[in-house]
Amino acid sequence: MKVLCTSKGGDSLMDSDIKAGNTRHSVFQITTNHEYTVYGVLFSGGTVSYLVQDDDNLPNWYPASLFRVSDGRVSQYWVSVDWSSLAHKYFYMISFPELVSSPAFFDSLSLGENFAREIFYKRKDLADLEFVDDSVEKTVMFVDENWVQCPLCCEAWKINSYDAMVRCPKCHGVFHRPQKNGGGP
């Protein structure tokens, strides 16, 4: 899922965002007209928030009222949880398994604890390969069957996924996965 930032706050915040603790003067580390990948969606107390990697490269929840959805496809890695009974208010989340596994992990990520961020960045790397990234120009080359070759370092490796993008295991470059006749990984 991708969203386009339409505002950095102020009057764009909904009343429910203000009731959730934001103010019209809240400073959000996001850039207007920049597209962000969403790594989780939280429905809580009448608000919707998106988990994005912000301009400081940190995972943070931001009010959905600051964005418009530019690509509504959701990650194959997402699962959901309803913690409404624990939170004593409506609290429903869709995200990667570790985040929805326990309120303690959710709190750890929200507080910026290192172990939680490490897991977030691993899940982020997986999610970032799922869909086409138009900012990437190069495509790996098919060598044989499910083997591809990096256009930068010439490393060859076997791909086992249907993701739109691939990451070279040697130089870590990200490239488009080529389409081949007959489908397959």
Protein backbone atom coordinates (compact mmCIF):
# COMPACT_ATOMS: atom_id res chain seq x y z
CA MET A 1 0.00 0.00 0.00
CA LYS A 2 1.30 3.43 -0.89
CA VAL A 3 0.08 6.86 0.16
CA LEU A 4 0.87 10.35 -1.09
CA CYS A 5 1.44 12.98 1.58
CA THR A 6 -1.00 15.84 0.93
CA SER A 7 -0.29 17.88 4.07
CA LYS A 8 2.10 18.15 7.00
CA GLY A 9 -0.69 18.85 9.48
CA GLY A 10 -2.46 21.96 10.67
CA ASP A 11 -5.98 22.33 9.32
CA SER A 12 -5.74 19.00 7.46
CA LEU A 13 -6.03 17.11 10.74
CA MET A 14 -9.49 15.82 11.50
CA ASP A 15 -11.18 16.48 14.84
CA SER A 16 -10.66 12.81 15.72
CA ASP A 17 -6.89 13.26 15.13
CA ILE A 18 -6.91 16.14 17.62
CA LYS A 19 -8.86 14.08 20.16
CA ALA A 20 -6.25 11.32 19.72
CA GLY A 21 -3.53 13.67 20.98
CA ASN A 22 -2.29 15.57 17.93
CA THR A 23 -2.56 19.35 17.74
CA ARG A 24 -2.90 21.78 14.85
CA HIS A 25 0.72 22.69 15.65
CA SER A 26 2.06 19.10 15.68
CA VAL A 27 5.20 18.73 13.56
CA PHE A 28 5.28 15.61 11.42
CA GLN A 29 8.50 14.35 9.80
CA ILE A 30 6.95 13.82 6.38
CA THR A 31 7.18 15.68 3.07
CA THR A 32 4.22 16.98 1.08
CA ASN A 33 3.88 15.37 -2.39
CA HIS A 34 6.15 12.48 -1.36
CA GLU A 35 4.88 8.91 -1.72
CA TYR A 36 5.32 6.60 1.29
CA THR A 37 4.95 2.85 1.60
CA VAL A 38 2.52 1.87 4.35
CA TYR A 39 3.68 -0.90 6.69
CA GLY A 40 0.58 -1.01 8.85
CA VAL A 41 -2.87 0.51 9.31
CA LEU A 42 -4.29 1.28 12.76
CA PHE A 43 -7.95 1.98 13.47
CA SER A 44 -8.29 3.36 16.98
CA GLY A 45 -10.71 5.64 18.79
CA GLY A 46 -12.28 6.98 15.59
CA THR A 47 -8.95 7.65 13.85
CA VAL A 48 -6.99 5.89 11.15
CA SER A 49 -3.19 5.99 11.18
CA TYR A 50 -0.56 4.70 8.77
CA LEU A 51 2.78 3.22 9.77
CA VAL A 52 5.40 4.71 7.42
CA GLN A 53 9.14 5.21 7.42
CA ASP A 54 9.31 8.96 7.86
CA ASP A 55 11.84 11.51 6.62
CA ASP A 56 14.13 10.67 9.55
CA ASN A 57 14.06 7.01 8.34
CA LEU A 58 12.16 6.00 11.47
CA PRO A 59 8.95 3.95 11.66
CA ASN A 60 6.13 6.13 12.94
CA TRP A 61 2.33 6.25 12.93
CA TYR A 62 0.83 9.26 11.15
CA PRO A 63 -2.81 10.35 10.82
CA ALA A 64 -4.34 9.11 7.57
CA SER A 65 -5.85 12.56 7.06
CA LEU A 66 -2.37 13.74 5.97
CA PHE A 67 -2.34 11.36 3.01
CA ARG A 68 -4.33 10.05 0.09
CA VAL A 69 -4.03 6.42 -1.01
CA SER A 70 -2.10 6.17 -4.27
CA ASP A 71 -1.92 2.35 -4.41
CA GLY A 72 -4.42 0.38 -2.35
CA ARG A 73 -2.82 -3.06 -2.70
CA VAL A 74 -1.93 -4.49 0.72
CA SER A 75 1.09 -6.58 1.63
CA GLN A 76 0.90 -10.34 1.45
CA TYR A 77 2.71 -10.34 4.79
CA TRP A 78 0.01 -8.47 6.70
CA VAL A 79 -2.22 -10.03 9.33
CA SER A 80 -4.81 -8.39 11.55
CA VAL A 81 -5.63 -8.15 15.24
CA ASP A 82 -8.45 -6.67 17.30
CA TRP A 83 -7.26 -5.46 20.70
CA SER A 84 -10.42 -3.51 21.45
CA SER A 85 -11.13 -5.46 24.64
CA LEU A 86 -7.60 -4.76 25.94
CA ALA A 87 -7.60 -1.08 25.00
CA HIS A 88 -11.16 -0.41 26.25
CA LYS A 89 -11.79 1.35 22.96
CA TYR A 90 -11.89 0.36 19.32
CA PHE A 91 -8.34 -0.77 18.42
CA TYR A 92 -7.86 -2.78 15.23
CA MET A 93 -4.58 -3.12 13.35
CA ILE A 94 -3.35 -4.65 10.11
CA SER A 95 0.41 -5.05 9.77
CA PHE A 96 3.28 -7.54 9.80
CA PRO A 97 2.96 -10.51 12.21
CA GLU A 98 5.41 -9.36 14.89
CA LEU A 99 3.67 -6.01 15.29
CA VAL A 100 0.23 -7.54 15.77
CA SER A 101 1.56 -10.40 17.92
CA SER A 102 1.37 -8.47 21.18
CA PRO A 103 0.63 -5.04 22.60
CA ALA A 104 4.14 -5.14 24.12
CA PHE A 105 5.78 -5.27 20.67
CA PHE A 106 3.50 -2.48 19.44
CA ASP A 107 4.62 -0.37 22.42
CA SER A 108 8.29 -1.27 21.84
CA LEU A 109 8.13 -0.09 18.23
CA SER A 110 6.24 3.06 19.22
CA LEU A 111 8.91 3.81 21.84
CA GLY A 112 11.72 3.24 19.31
CA GLU A 113 13.35 0.26 21.00
CA ASN A 114 16.18 -1.15 18.89
CA PHE A 115 15.03 -4.78 18.73
CA ALA A 116 11.60 -3.68 17.51
CA ARG A 117 13.10 -1.38 14.89
CA GLU A 118 15.36 -4.19 13.64
CA ILE A 119 12.34 -6.40 13.07
CA PHE A 120 10.49 -3.52 11.42
CA TYR A 121 13.37 -2.94 8.97
CA LYS A 122 13.50 -6.66 8.07
CA ARG A 123 9.75 -6.67 7.36
CA LYS A 124 10.10 -3.36 5.49
CA ASP A 125 12.73 -4.90 3.20
CA LEU A 126 10.35 -7.75 2.34
CA ALA A 127 7.40 -5.43 1.74
CA ASP A 128 9.44 -3.04 -0.40
CA LEU A 129 10.06 -5.79 -2.96
CA GLU A 130 6.42 -6.80 -3.38
CA PHE A 131 5.24 -4.15 -5.82
CA VAL A 132 6.78 -2.29 -8.74
CA ASP A 133 8.91 0.70 -7.80
CA ASP A 134 8.81 3.16 -10.69
CA SER A 135 11.83 5.03 -9.35
CA VAL A 136 14.02 2.00 -10.16
CA GLU A 137 15.24 1.96 -13.77
CA LYS A 138 17.19 -1.30 -14.11
CA THR A 139 15.98 -4.88 -14.48
CA VAL A 140 17.88 -8.07 -13.65
CA MET A 141 18.48 -10.47 -16.53
CA PHE A 142 17.15 -14.02 -16.64
CA VAL A 143 20.00 -16.51 -16.99
CA ASP A 144 18.27 -19.88 -16.78
CA GLU A 145 15.02 -21.12 -15.22
CA ASN A 146 14.73 -19.10 -11.98
CA TRP A 147 18.26 -17.73 -12.09
CA VAL A 148 18.88 -14.03 -12.63
CA GLN A 149 21.95 -11.82 -12.97
CA CYS A 150 22.58 -8.40 -11.45
CA PRO A 151 23.12 -5.65 -14.04
CA LEU A 152 25.61 -3.89 -11.72
CA CYS A 153 27.89 -6.51 -10.19
CA CYS A 154 27.08 -9.54 -12.43
CA GLU A 155 26.21 -11.73 -9.42
CA ALA A 156 23.83 -14.57 -10.34
CA TRP A 157 21.31 -16.05 -7.92
CA LYS A 158 18.14 -18.09 -7.84
CA ILE A 159 14.91 -16.22 -7.13
CA ASN A 160 12.10 -17.99 -5.30
CA SER A 161 9.40 -15.36 -5.08
CA TYR A 162 6.81 -13.70 -7.24
CA ASP A 163 7.69 -10.20 -5.98
CA ALA A 164 7.87 -7.44 -8.58
CA MET A 165 11.33 -6.35 -7.38
CA VAL A 166 14.47 -8.29 -6.43
CA ARG A 167 17.52 -7.42 -4.32
CA CYS A 168 21.00 -8.56 -5.35
CA PRO A 169 22.55 -10.62 -2.51
CA LYS A 170 26.02 -9.25 -3.32
CA CYS A 171 25.69 -5.50 -4.01
CA HIS A 172 22.20 -5.14 -2.43
CA GLY A 173 20.92 -3.20 -5.43
CA VAL A 174 17.16 -3.33 -6.03
CA PHE A 175 15.92 -4.07 -9.54
CA HIS A 176 12.79 -4.93 -11.45
CA ARG A 177 12.11 -8.62 -11.74
CA PRO A 178 11.87 -9.45 -15.44
CA GLN A 179 8.68 -10.92 -16.84
CA LYS A 180 9.09 -14.26 -18.55
CA ASN A 181 6.75 -16.31 -20.63
CA GLY A 182 4.91 -19.03 -18.80
CA GLY A 183 4.97 -17.41 -15.35
CA GLY A 184 6.81 -19.00 -12.44
CA PRO A 185 9.12 -17.40 -9.88
